[in-house]
Amino acid sequence: MTTEKPLYIELAEKLIEHITTKCQAGDLLISERELIAKTKMSRTTVRLALKEVELLGYIKTIPGKGRFVTEYYQEIMNIGNMYSFTDEINKLGNVAKTIVINCNLTFASPLVAKNLGIRESDKVVFINRLRLSNQTPMMLEDTFLPYQLFEGLEKVDFSKVSLYETLRTQYQTIVSFAEEEVFANIANENEAALLQISENQPVLEIFRTTYSSKNNIIEYTHSVARGDKFSYKTTHTNKQRN
């Protein structure tokens, strides 16, 4: 049994694709009347589609002037596509900044040891970072790496250099792929203070295990991202053609 999408949802998706690929913040969107004429859809369908797009934050209505593209879609980053925080921020035309809160050696906790595939008595490099875009706090990261693979890494100033670039140039380790789990949560007191949001505001928790080109686990990271600045989007493909 196949359930077809409502027409207004199909139109809303097409409008969002048009906005994200061809529009800039402040652009005037095609009018309701023009949409009706162009799509041959009913006024009700077109209005529902426009309302959906507005509710999702892509446009805003200014009475007497029309519907305008907002900055929302340009500010929201898809965590599912994010390989490098700095690179993704730069793609948006913003300035990325990293504040290193802590960078030292510690012993692996049971959770960290399990995810890195090491013993609890093993040393790990711990990096606690706050990531910002245009001076706005966006994400908190707790990163753990096996000390036996990256001796001396705790001495690097990661407010100035990229972690993955450092692994590549100084340790001849290339990131191949990562496994991630994403959960919805609310910010605790410490997270809210650092991210400059209200306590109990929605956040996304991301647990990431990263593998090298030699298929070794090289990183385990727990991140807390602002729910108003990030989304998680993925694509599913049906391999059955019948």
Protein backbone atom coordinates (compact mmCIF):
# COMPACT_ATOMS: atom_id res chain seq x y z
CA MET A 1 0.00 0.00 0.00
CA THR A 2 1.43 3.38 -1.05
CA THR A 3 0.48 6.61 0.67
CA GLU A 4 0.79 9.63 -1.59
CA LYS A 5 1.88 12.98 -0.24
CA PRO A 6 -0.76 15.70 -0.11
CA LEU A 7 -0.40 18.14 -3.01
CA TYR A 8 0.35 21.05 -0.69
CA ILE A 9 3.29 19.15 0.86
CA GLU A 10 4.71 18.40 -2.59
CA LEU A 11 4.42 22.08 -3.49
CA ALA A 12 5.96 23.13 -0.15
CA GLU A 13 8.96 20.86 -0.79
CA LYS A 14 9.43 22.33 -4.27
CA LEU A 15 9.28 25.86 -2.84
CA ILE A 16 11.84 25.00 -0.18
CA GLU A 17 14.15 23.54 -2.82
CA HIS A 18 13.76 26.71 -4.87
CA ILE A 19 14.48 28.90 -1.84
CA THR A 20 17.57 26.97 -0.71
CA THR A 21 19.13 26.71 -4.18
CA LYS A 22 18.18 29.93 -5.92
CA CYS A 23 17.25 32.56 -3.32
CA GLN A 24 19.00 34.82 -0.86
CA ALA A 25 17.71 36.26 2.40
CA GLY A 26 15.44 39.21 1.67
CA ASP A 27 14.31 38.02 -1.77
CA LEU A 28 10.63 38.44 -2.58
CA LEU A 29 8.96 35.08 -3.14
CA ILE A 30 6.63 34.46 -6.05
CA SER A 31 3.13 35.68 -5.21
CA GLU A 32 0.20 33.46 -4.37
CA ARG A 33 -1.58 34.48 -7.58
CA GLU A 34 1.47 33.67 -9.70
CA LEU A 35 1.87 30.30 -7.99
CA ILE A 36 -1.75 29.40 -8.73
CA ALA A 37 -1.30 30.32 -12.38
CA LYS A 38 2.04 28.50 -12.66
CA THR A 39 1.11 25.28 -10.86
CA LYS A 40 -2.58 25.09 -11.87
CA MET A 41 -3.33 24.18 -8.26
CA SER A 42 -6.24 25.47 -6.22
CA ARG A 43 -5.95 28.55 -4.04
CA THR A 44 -6.45 26.37 -0.94
CA THR A 45 -3.55 24.06 -1.90
CA VAL A 46 -1.22 26.97 -2.64
CA ARG A 47 -2.10 28.74 0.60
CA LEU A 48 -1.51 25.57 2.63
CA ALA A 49 1.88 25.12 0.96
CA LEU A 50 2.92 28.69 1.65
CA LYS A 51 1.77 28.36 5.25
CA GLU A 52 3.85 25.19 5.63
CA VAL A 53 6.96 26.90 4.26
CA GLU A 54 6.40 29.84 6.58
CA LEU A 55 5.88 27.62 9.62
CA LEU A 56 9.20 25.93 8.83
CA GLY A 57 10.89 29.34 8.96
CA TYR A 58 11.94 29.74 5.32
CA ILE A 59 9.76 32.76 4.59
CA LYS A 60 7.97 35.52 6.46
CA THR A 61 4.95 37.55 5.44
CA ILE A 62 5.02 41.33 5.57
CA PRO A 63 1.44 42.65 5.23
CA GLY A 64 0.97 44.73 2.11
CA LYS A 65 4.37 43.78 0.69
CA GLY A 66 4.46 40.01 0.25
CA ARG A 67 6.41 36.98 1.41
CA PHE A 68 10.17 37.29 1.82
CA VAL A 69 12.93 34.71 2.19
CA THR A 70 14.40 34.70 5.70
CA GLU A 71 17.97 34.09 6.87
CA TYR A 72 16.83 30.93 8.65
CA TYR A 73 17.77 28.41 5.98
CA GLN A 74 21.19 30.02 5.53
CA GLU A 75 21.92 29.77 9.25
CA ILE A 76 20.71 26.22 9.85
CA MET A 77 23.42 23.59 9.33
CA ASN A 78 22.74 19.97 8.56
CA ILE A 79 24.72 17.95 11.08
CA GLY A 80 24.32 14.88 8.91
CA ASN A 81 26.54 16.43 6.25
CA MET A 82 29.05 18.04 8.57
CA TYR A 83 32.60 16.76 8.27
CA SER A 84 34.44 19.84 9.54
CA PHE A 85 32.75 22.50 11.67
CA THR A 86 35.09 25.21 10.40
CA ASP A 87 34.57 24.24 6.76
CA GLU A 88 30.78 24.24 7.12
CA ILE A 89 30.79 27.64 8.81
CA ASN A 90 33.03 29.07 6.10
CA LYS A 91 30.71 27.71 3.39
CA LEU A 92 27.97 29.88 4.89
CA GLY A 93 30.22 32.92 4.61
CA ASN A 94 30.57 33.20 8.37
CA VAL A 95 33.65 33.34 10.60
CA ALA A 96 34.36 30.20 12.61
CA LYS A 97 36.04 30.35 15.99
CA THR A 98 37.08 27.68 18.48
CA ILE A 99 37.56 28.25 22.18
CA VAL A 100 39.50 25.45 23.85
CA ILE A 101 38.14 25.06 27.36
CA ASN A 102 40.33 22.11 28.24
CA CYS A 103 42.96 19.94 26.52
CA ASN A 104 44.84 17.38 28.59
CA LEU A 105 45.54 13.72 29.29
CA THR A 106 43.15 11.58 31.29
CA PHE A 107 42.18 7.93 31.70
CA ALA A 108 39.39 6.46 29.64
CA SER A 109 36.03 6.09 31.38
CA PRO A 110 34.12 2.84 30.76
CA LEU A 111 32.02 4.58 28.08
CA VAL A 112 35.02 6.15 26.33
CA ALA A 113 37.02 2.92 26.52
CA LYS A 114 34.15 0.97 24.96
CA ASN A 115 33.72 3.42 22.11
CA LEU A 116 37.45 3.71 21.38
CA GLY A 117 38.04 -0.01 21.71
CA ILE A 118 40.67 0.42 24.45
CA ARG A 119 41.05 -0.43 28.17
CA GLU A 120 39.79 1.77 30.99
CA SER A 121 43.37 2.10 32.27
CA ASP A 122 44.55 3.51 28.93
CA LYS A 123 45.36 7.19 28.55
CA VAL A 124 43.33 9.37 26.22
CA VAL A 125 43.71 12.91 24.94
CA PHE A 126 40.68 14.92 26.06
CA ILE A 127 39.71 18.08 24.16
CA ASN A 128 36.79 20.21 25.35
CA ARG A 129 35.87 22.89 22.79
CA LEU A 130 33.23 25.56 22.28
CA ARG A 131 32.54 26.20 18.59
CA LEU A 132 31.27 29.62 17.46
CA SER A 133 30.00 31.20 14.26
CA ASN A 134 30.30 34.99 13.99
CA GLN A 135 30.88 35.05 17.77
CA THR A 136 27.65 33.10 18.42
CA PRO A 137 28.16 29.89 20.44
CA MET A 138 26.90 26.96 18.38
CA MET A 139 28.22 23.68 19.75
CA LEU A 140 30.05 22.11 22.69
CA GLU A 141 32.36 19.19 21.97
CA ASP A 142 34.05 16.65 24.25
CA THR A 143 36.56 14.73 22.12
CA PHE A 144 38.60 11.70 23.17
CA LEU A 145 41.50 10.17 21.21
CA PRO A 146 43.79 7.21 22.11
CA TYR A 147 47.04 8.58 23.51
CA GLN A 148 48.95 5.53 22.24
CA LEU A 149 48.16 6.66 18.68
CA PHE A 150 48.58 10.39 19.18
CA GLU A 151 51.28 11.02 21.77
CA GLY A 152 51.87 14.74 22.24
CA LEU A 153 48.52 15.76 20.75
CA GLU A 154 47.53 17.40 24.04
CA LYS A 155 50.19 20.08 23.43
CA VAL A 156 48.56 21.36 20.22
CA ASP A 157 46.58 24.61 20.33
CA PHE A 158 43.30 23.64 18.68
CA SER A 159 41.99 27.18 18.83
CA LYS A 160 44.34 27.84 15.90
CA VAL A 161 44.54 24.56 13.97
CA SER A 162 42.19 21.82 12.78
CA LEU A 163 42.15 18.51 14.64
CA TYR A 164 41.73 16.38 11.52
CA GLU A 165 44.38 18.35 9.63
CA THR A 166 46.76 17.86 12.56
CA LEU A 167 46.09 14.12 12.55
CA ARG A 168 46.83 14.04 8.82
CA THR A 169 50.00 16.12 8.80
CA GLN A 170 51.60 15.18 12.11
CA TYR A 171 50.39 11.61 12.61
CA GLN A 172 49.79 10.45 9.02
CA THR A 173 46.24 9.54 9.98
CA ILE A 174 43.43 10.22 7.52
CA VAL A 175 39.79 10.25 8.56
CA SER A 176 37.80 7.79 6.47
CA PHE A 177 34.27 7.70 7.92
CA ALA A 178 32.28 8.23 11.10
CA GLU A 179 29.28 6.63 12.78
CA GLU A 180 26.89 8.99 14.55
CA GLU A 181 23.87 8.79 16.81
CA VAL A 182 21.74 11.90 17.29
CA PHE A 183 19.28 12.46 20.13
CA ALA A 184 16.98 15.30 21.10
CA ASN A 185 17.54 16.63 24.61
CA ILE A 186 17.37 19.79 26.70
CA ALA A 187 20.31 21.90 27.83
CA ASN A 188 21.56 21.55 31.38
CA GLU A 189 22.78 24.54 33.39
CA ASN A 190 26.42 24.35 32.25
CA GLU A 191 25.56 23.75 28.59
CA ALA A 192 23.04 26.60 28.58
CA ALA A 193 25.57 29.02 30.07
CA LEU A 194 28.28 28.18 27.53
CA LEU A 195 25.91 28.13 24.54
CA GLN A 196 24.20 31.32 25.76
CA ILE A 197 20.72 29.83 25.67
CA SER A 198 18.04 29.26 28.27
CA GLU A 199 18.30 26.25 30.53
CA ASN A 200 16.03 23.43 29.30
CA GLN A 201 16.10 24.82 25.75
CA PRO A 202 16.12 22.04 23.10
CA VAL A 203 19.53 20.80 21.95
CA LEU A 204 20.82 17.98 19.77
CA GLU A 205 23.23 15.49 21.32
CA ILE A 206 25.58 13.83 18.86
CA PHE A 207 27.73 10.79 19.65
CA ARG A 208 30.40 10.28 16.99
CA THR A 209 32.90 7.45 16.49
CA THR A 210 35.47 8.18 13.79
CA TYR A 211 37.56 5.69 11.83
CA SER A 212 40.83 6.14 9.95
CA SER A 213 41.60 4.98 6.42
CA LYS A 214 43.17 1.90 8.07
CA ASN A 215 39.80 1.15 9.72
CA ASN A 216 41.08 1.98 13.22
CA ILE A 217 38.91 3.88 15.71
CA ILE A 218 40.67 7.18 16.26
CA GLU A 219 38.11 9.47 17.88
CA TYR A 220 35.03 9.47 20.09
CA THR A 221 33.18 12.77 20.45
CA HIS A 222 30.09 13.82 22.37
CA SER A 223 28.66 17.10 21.09
CA VAL A 224 25.79 19.30 22.24
CA ALA A 225 24.44 21.52 19.46
CA ARG A 226 21.90 24.31 19.69
CA GLY A 227 18.51 23.11 18.52
CA ASP A 228 17.77 26.47 16.92
CA LYS A 229 20.92 26.40 14.79
CA PHE A 230 21.21 22.81 13.59
CA SER A 231 19.09 20.20 11.86
CA TYR A 232 19.70 16.57 11.04
CA LYS A 233 18.75 15.46 7.55
CA THR A 234 19.40 12.14 5.85
CA THR A 235 18.43 10.43 2.63
CA HIS A 236 17.05 6.88 2.43
CA THR A 237 17.20 4.88 -0.77
CA ASN A 238 14.89 1.98 -1.55
CA LYS A 239 17.10 -0.68 -3.14
CA GLN A 240 14.10 -2.82 -4.03
CA ARG A 241 12.92 -1.78 -7.46
CA ASN A 242 9.87 -4.04 -7.71
